[in-house]
PDB file of N, CA and C in Angstrom:
ATOM      1  N   MET A   1      15.747  28.669 -15.241  1.00  0.00           N
ATOM      2  CA  MET A   1      15.746  28.671 -16.655  1.00  0.00           C
ATOM      3  C   MET A   1      14.505  27.783 -17.036  1.00  0.00           C
ATOM      4  N   ALA A   2      13.733  28.308 -17.961  1.00  0.00           N
ATOM      5  CA  ALA A   2      12.515  27.643 -18.523  1.00  0.00           C
ATOM      6  C   ALA A   2      12.945  26.488 -19.450  1.00  0.00           C
ATOM      7  N   GLY A   3      12.115  25.573 -19.649  1.00  0.00           N
ATOM      8  CA  GLY A   3      12.352  24.454 -20.591  1.00  0.00           C
ATOM      9  C   GLY A   3      12.374  25.084 -22.014  1.00  0.00           C
ATOM     10  N   LYS A   4      12.907  24.235 -22.946  1.00  0.00           N
ATOM     11  CA  LYS A   4      12.922  24.720 -24.379  1.00  0.00           C
ATOM     12  C   LYS A   4      12.779  23.553 -25.301  1.00  0.00           C
ATOM     13  N   PHE A   5      12.319  23.750 -26.476  1.00  0.00           N
ATOM     14  CA  PHE A   5      12.300  22.765 -27.508  1.00  0.00           C
ATOM     15  C   PHE A   5      13.511  22.979 -28.391  1.00  0.00           C
ATOM     16  N   GLU A   6      14.173  22.005 -28.924  1.00  0.00           N
ATOM     17  CA  GLU A   6      15.269  22.057 -29.769  1.00  0.00           C
ATOM     18  C   GLU A   6      14.863  21.284 -31.039  1.00  0.00           C
ATOM     19  N   VAL A   7      15.009  21.903 -32.243  1.00  0.00           N
ATOM     20  CA  VAL A   7      14.795  21.273 -33.494  1.00  0.00           C
ATOM     21  C   VAL A   7      16.173  21.065 -34.171  1.00  0.00           C
ATOM     22  N   TYR A   8      16.271  19.748 -34.633  1.00  0.00           N
ATOM     23  CA  TYR A   8      17.616  19.379 -35.135  1.00  0.00           C
ATOM     24  C   TYR A   8      17.466  18.300 -36.233  1.00  0.00           C
ATOM     25  N   LYS A   9      18.516  18.081 -36.935  1.00  0.00           N
ATOM     26  CA  LYS A   9      18.551  16.956 -37.968  1.00  0.00           C
ATOM     27  C   LYS A   9      19.352  15.842 -37.334  1.00  0.00           C
ATOM     28  N   ASP A  10      18.765  14.594 -37.538  1.00  0.00           N
ATOM     29  CA  ASP A  10      19.401  13.441 -37.003  1.00  0.00           C
ATOM     30  C   ASP A  10      20.455  12.931 -38.012  1.00  0.00           C
ATOM     31  N   LYS A  11      21.084  11.855 -37.796  1.00  0.00           N
ATOM     32  CA  LYS A  11      22.128  11.205 -38.618  1.00  0.00           C
ATOM     33  C   LYS A  11      21.602  10.910 -39.951  1.00  0.00           C
ATOM     34  N   ALA A  12      20.347  10.541 -40.011  1.00  0.00           N
ATOM     35  CA  ALA A  12      19.701  10.142 -41.330  1.00  0.00           C
ATOM     36  C   ALA A  12      19.199  11.355 -42.137  1.00  0.00           C
ATOM     37  N   GLY A  13      19.484  12.543 -41.639  1.00  0.00           N
ATOM     38  CA  GLY A  13      18.945  13.673 -42.298  1.00  0.00           C
ATOM     39  C   GLY A  13      17.460  14.104 -42.108  1.00  0.00           C
ATOM     40  N   LYS A  14      16.846  13.485 -41.117  1.00  0.00           N
ATOM     41  CA  LYS A  14      15.455  13.771 -40.792  1.00  0.00           C
ATOM     42  C   LYS A  14      15.429  14.830 -39.683  1.00  0.00           C
ATOM     43  N   PHE A  15      14.336  15.623 -39.717  1.00  0.00           N
ATOM     44  CA  PHE A  15      14.160  16.540 -38.684  1.00  0.00           C
ATOM     45  C   PHE A  15      13.462  15.955 -37.443  1.00  0.00           C
ATOM     46  N   ARG A  16      13.933  16.344 -36.263  1.00  0.00           N
ATOM     47  CA  ARG A  16      13.383  15.906 -35.033  1.00  0.00           C
ATOM     48  C   ARG A  16      13.255  17.072 -34.101  1.00  0.00           C
ATOM     49  N   PHE A  17      12.553  16.870 -32.952  1.00  0.00           N
ATOM     50  CA  PHE A  17      12.590  17.818 -31.847  1.00  0.00           C
ATOM     51  C   PHE A  17      12.649  17.139 -30.550  1.00  0.00           C
ATOM     52  N   ARG A  18      13.261  17.839 -29.601  1.00  0.00           N
ATOM     53  CA  ARG A  18      13.325  17.329 -28.226  1.00  0.00           C
ATOM     54  C   ARG A  18      12.996  18.465 -27.285  1.00  0.00           C
ATOM     55  N   LEU A  19      12.301  18.057 -26.210  1.00  0.00           N
ATOM     56  CA  LEU A  19      11.984  19.029 -25.103  1.00  0.00           C
ATOM     57  C   LEU A  19      12.907  18.882 -23.983  1.00  0.00           C
ATOM     58  N   LYS A  20      13.625  19.990 -23.623  1.00  0.00           N
ATOM     59  CA  LYS A  20      14.507  19.925 -22.496  1.00  0.00           C
ATOM     60  C   LYS A  20      13.995  20.687 -21.337  1.00  0.00           C
ATOM     61  N   ALA A  21      14.172  20.136 -20.192  1.00  0.00           N
ATOM     62  CA  ALA A  21      13.795  20.836 -18.942  1.00  0.00           C
ATOM     63  C   ALA A  21      14.833  22.022 -18.679  1.00  0.00           C
ATOM     64  N   GLY A  22      14.534  22.798 -17.762  1.00  0.00           N
ATOM     65  CA  GLY A  22      15.391  23.960 -17.361  1.00  0.00           C
ATOM     66  C   GLY A  22      16.777  23.524 -16.974  1.00  0.00           C
ATOM     67  N   ASN A  23      16.942  22.292 -16.513  1.00  0.00           N
ATOM     68  CA  ASN A  23      18.260  21.794 -16.125  1.00  0.00           C
ATOM     69  C   ASN A  23      18.975  21.204 -17.216  1.00  0.00           C
ATOM     70  N   GLY A  24      18.436  21.102 -18.452  1.00  0.00           N
ATOM     71  CA  GLY A  24      19.052  20.522 -19.658  1.00  0.00           C
ATOM     72  C   GLY A  24      18.680  19.139 -19.887  1.00  0.00           C
ATOM     73  N   GLN A  25      17.970  18.465 -19.057  1.00  0.00           N
ATOM     74  CA  GLN A  25      17.536  17.017 -19.165  1.00  0.00           C
ATOM     75  C   GLN A  25      16.522  16.985 -20.272  1.00  0.00           C
ATOM     76  N   VAL A  26      16.695  15.967 -21.167  1.00  0.00           N
ATOM     77  CA  VAL A  26      15.694  15.696 -22.147  1.00  0.00           C
ATOM     78  C   VAL A  26      14.490  15.003 -21.509  1.00  0.00           C
ATOM     79  N   ILE A  27      13.289  15.625 -21.712  1.00  0.00           N
ATOM     80  CA  ILE A  27      12.086  15.044 -21.113  1.00  0.00           C
ATOM     81  C   ILE A  27      11.086  14.452 -22.120  1.00  0.00           C
ATOM     82  N   ALA A  28      11.282  14.823 -23.365  1.00  0.00           N
ATOM     83  CA  ALA A  28      10.426  14.307 -24.455  1.00  0.00           C
ATOM     84  C   ALA A  28      11.148  14.539 -25.790  1.00  0.00           C
ATOM     85  N   VAL A  29      10.808  13.507 -26.661  1.00  0.00           N
ATOM     86  CA  VAL A  29      11.378  13.603 -28.075  1.00  0.00           C
ATOM     87  C   VAL A  29      10.334  13.347 -29.040  1.00  0.00           C
ATOM     88  N   GLY A  30      10.482  13.918 -30.201  1.00  0.00           N
ATOM     89  CA  GLY A  30       9.509  13.791 -31.287  1.00  0.00           C
ATOM     90  C   GLY A  30      10.019  12.686 -32.269  1.00  0.00           C
ATOM     91  N   GLU A  31       9.121  12.274 -33.153  1.00  0.00           N
ATOM     92  CA  GLU A  31       9.461  11.379 -34.225  1.00  0.00           C
ATOM     93  C   GLU A  31      10.318  12.026 -35.288  1.00  0.00           C
ATOM     94  N   ALA A  32      10.655  11.264 -36.327  1.00  0.00           N
ATOM     95  CA  ALA A  32      11.415  11.791 -37.401  1.00  0.00           C
ATOM     96  C   ALA A  32      10.498  12.367 -38.464  1.00  0.00           C
ATOM     97  N   TYR A  33      10.778  13.609 -38.951  1.00  0.00           N
ATOM     98  CA  TYR A  33       9.930  14.272 -39.904  1.00  0.00           C
ATOM     99  C   TYR A  33      10.779  14.579 -41.155  1.00  0.00           C
ATOM    100  N   GLU A  34      10.131  14.604 -42.327  1.00  0.00           N
ATOM    101  CA  GLU A  34      10.767  14.813 -43.556  1.00  0.00           C
ATOM    102  C   GLU A  34      11.178  16.295 -43.743  1.00  0.00           C
ATOM    103  N   THR A  35      10.372  17.171 -43.188  1.00  0.00           N
ATOM    104  CA  THR A  35      10.590  18.581 -43.326  1.00  0.00           C
ATOM    105  C   THR A  35      10.742  19.283 -41.959  1.00  0.00           C
ATOM    106  N   LYS A  36      11.412  20.437 -41.976  1.00  0.00           N
ATOM    107  CA  LYS A  36      11.529  21.209 -40.769  1.00  0.00           C
ATOM    108  C   LYS A  36      10.187  21.703 -40.332  1.00  0.00           C
ATOM    109  N   ALA A  37       9.315  22.178 -41.363  1.00  0.00           N
ATOM    110  CA  ALA A  37       7.967  22.599 -41.102  1.00  0.00           C
ATOM    111  C   ALA A  37       7.180  21.648 -40.347  1.00  0.00           C
ATOM    112  N   SER A  38       7.306  20.356 -40.726  1.00  0.00           N
ATOM    113  CA  SER A  38       6.528  19.283 -40.072  1.00  0.00           C
ATOM    114  C   SER A  38       6.992  19.125 -38.575  1.00  0.00           C
ATOM    115  N   ALA A  39       8.289  19.240 -38.408  1.00  0.00           N
ATOM    116  CA  ALA A  39       8.875  19.178 -37.073  1.00  0.00           C
ATOM    117  C   ALA A  39       8.300  20.284 -36.245  1.00  0.00           C
ATOM    118  N   LEU A  40       8.262  21.467 -36.765  1.00  0.00           N
ATOM    119  CA  LEU A  40       7.765  22.602 -35.995  1.00  0.00           C
ATOM    120  C   LEU A  40       6.254  22.475 -35.788  1.00  0.00           C
ATOM    121  N   ASN A  41       5.511  21.798 -36.653  1.00  0.00           N
ATOM    122  CA  ASN A  41       4.086  21.514 -36.374  1.00  0.00           C
ATOM    123  C   ASN A  41       3.924  20.563 -35.239  1.00  0.00           C
ATOM    124  N   GLY A  42       4.863  19.591 -35.116  1.00  0.00           N
ATOM    125  CA  GLY A  42       4.894  18.700 -34.039  1.00  0.00           C
ATOM    126  C   GLY A  42       5.116  19.434 -32.735  1.00  0.00           C
ATOM    127  N   VAL A  43       6.056  20.376 -32.708  1.00  0.00           N
ATOM    128  CA  VAL A  43       6.343  21.142 -31.507  1.00  0.00           C
ATOM    129  C   VAL A  43       4.989  21.936 -31.130  1.00  0.00           C
ATOM    130  N   ALA A  44       4.429  22.531 -32.151  1.00  0.00           N
ATOM    131  CA  ALA A  44       3.145  23.349 -31.874  1.00  0.00           C
ATOM    132  C   ALA A  44       2.121  22.436 -31.315  1.00  0.00           C
ATOM    133  N   SER A  45       1.960  21.178 -31.756  1.00  0.00           N
ATOM    134  CA  SER A  45       0.978  20.232 -31.310  1.00  0.00           C
ATOM    135  C   SER A  45       1.127  19.923 -29.802  1.00  0.00           C
ATOM    136  N   VAL A  46       2.404  19.696 -29.468  1.00  0.00           N
ATOM    137  CA  VAL A  46       2.776  19.381 -28.064  1.00  0.00           C
ATOM    138  C   VAL A  46       2.450  20.601 -27.236  1.00  0.00           C
ATOM    139  N   GLN A  47       2.866  21.765 -27.658  1.00  0.00           N
ATOM    140  CA  GLN A  47       2.555  22.956 -26.855  1.00  0.00           C
ATOM    141  C   GLN A  47       1.052  23.218 -26.710  1.00  0.00           C
ATOM    142  N   LYS A  48       0.276  22.906 -27.751  1.00  0.00           N
ATOM    143  CA  LYS A  48      -1.227  23.127 -27.687  1.00  0.00           C
ATOM    144  C   LYS A  48      -1.849  22.075 -26.825  1.00  0.00           C
ATOM    145  N   ASN A  49      -1.459  20.834 -26.984  1.00  0.00           N
ATOM    146  CA  ASN A  49      -2.239  19.660 -26.444  1.00  0.00           C
ATOM    147  C   ASN A  49      -1.816  19.170 -25.124  1.00  0.00           C
ATOM    148  N   ALA A  50      -0.655  19.598 -24.613  1.00  0.00           N
ATOM    149  CA  ALA A  50      -0.049  18.997 -23.434  1.00  0.00           C
ATOM    150  C   ALA A  50      -0.404  19.758 -22.079  1.00  0.00           C
ATOM    151  N   PRO A  51      -0.795  21.040 -22.077  1.00  0.00           N
ATOM    152  CA  PRO A  51      -1.007  21.720 -20.865  1.00  0.00           C
ATOM    153  C   PRO A  51      -1.856  21.020 -19.821  1.00  0.00           C
ATOM    154  N   GLY A  52      -2.966  20.490 -20.309  1.00  0.00           N
ATOM    155  CA  GLY A  52      -3.933  19.863 -19.387  1.00  0.00           C
ATOM    156  C   GLY A  52      -3.883  18.396 -19.455  1.00  0.00           C
ATOM    157  N   ALA A  53      -2.760  17.766 -19.928  1.00  0.00           N
ATOM    158  CA  ALA A  53      -2.725  16.318 -20.026  1.00  0.00           C
ATOM    159  C   ALA A  53      -2.727  15.682 -18.683  1.00  0.00           C
ATOM    160  N   THR A  54      -3.440  14.622 -18.600  1.00  0.00           N
ATOM    161  CA  THR A  54      -3.569  13.828 -17.337  1.00  0.00           C
ATOM    162  C   THR A  54      -2.566  12.692 -17.371  1.00  0.00           C
ATOM    163  N   ILE A  55      -2.384  12.036 -16.174  1.00  0.00           N
ATOM    164  CA  ILE A  55      -1.506  10.895 -16.085  1.00  0.00           C
ATOM    165  C   ILE A  55      -2.379   9.615 -16.209  1.00  0.00           C
ATOM    166  N   ASP A  56      -2.031   8.807 -17.109  1.00  0.00           N
ATOM    167  CA  ASP A  56      -2.714   7.464 -17.186  1.00  0.00           C
ATOM    168  C   ASP A  56      -1.740   6.392 -16.782  1.00  0.00           C
ATOM    169  N   ASP A  57      -1.762   6.089 -15.472  1.00  0.00           N
ATOM    170  CA  ASP A  57      -0.937   5.121 -14.782  1.00  0.00           C
ATOM    171  C   ASP A  57      -1.441   3.668 -15.132  1.00  0.00           C
ATOM    172  N   GLN A  58      -0.773   2.940 -15.963  1.00  0.00           N
ATOM    173  CA  GLN A  58      -1.147   1.626 -16.390  1.00  0.00           C
ATOM    174  C   GLN A  58      -0.460   0.524 -15.742  1.00  0.00           C
ATOM    175  N   THR A  59       0.144   0.816 -14.552  1.00  0.00           N
ATOM    176  CA  THR A  59       0.860  -0.204 -13.841  1.00  0.00           C
ATOM    177  C   THR A  59      -0.095  -1.089 -13.020  1.00  0.00           C
TER     178      THR A  59
END
């Protein structure tokens, strides 16, 4: 099963998204957004900008 983004409302009524791996584990979460459209823009940004992301190991 492929990973998926979930868009949901938190307890404060704000829109958020989380990225789940194929096994259901949450691997990324977004900030709180005022509108669903803004949360969806956040998803689109992750989809667009993350494919070639490098690892910055600061240990």
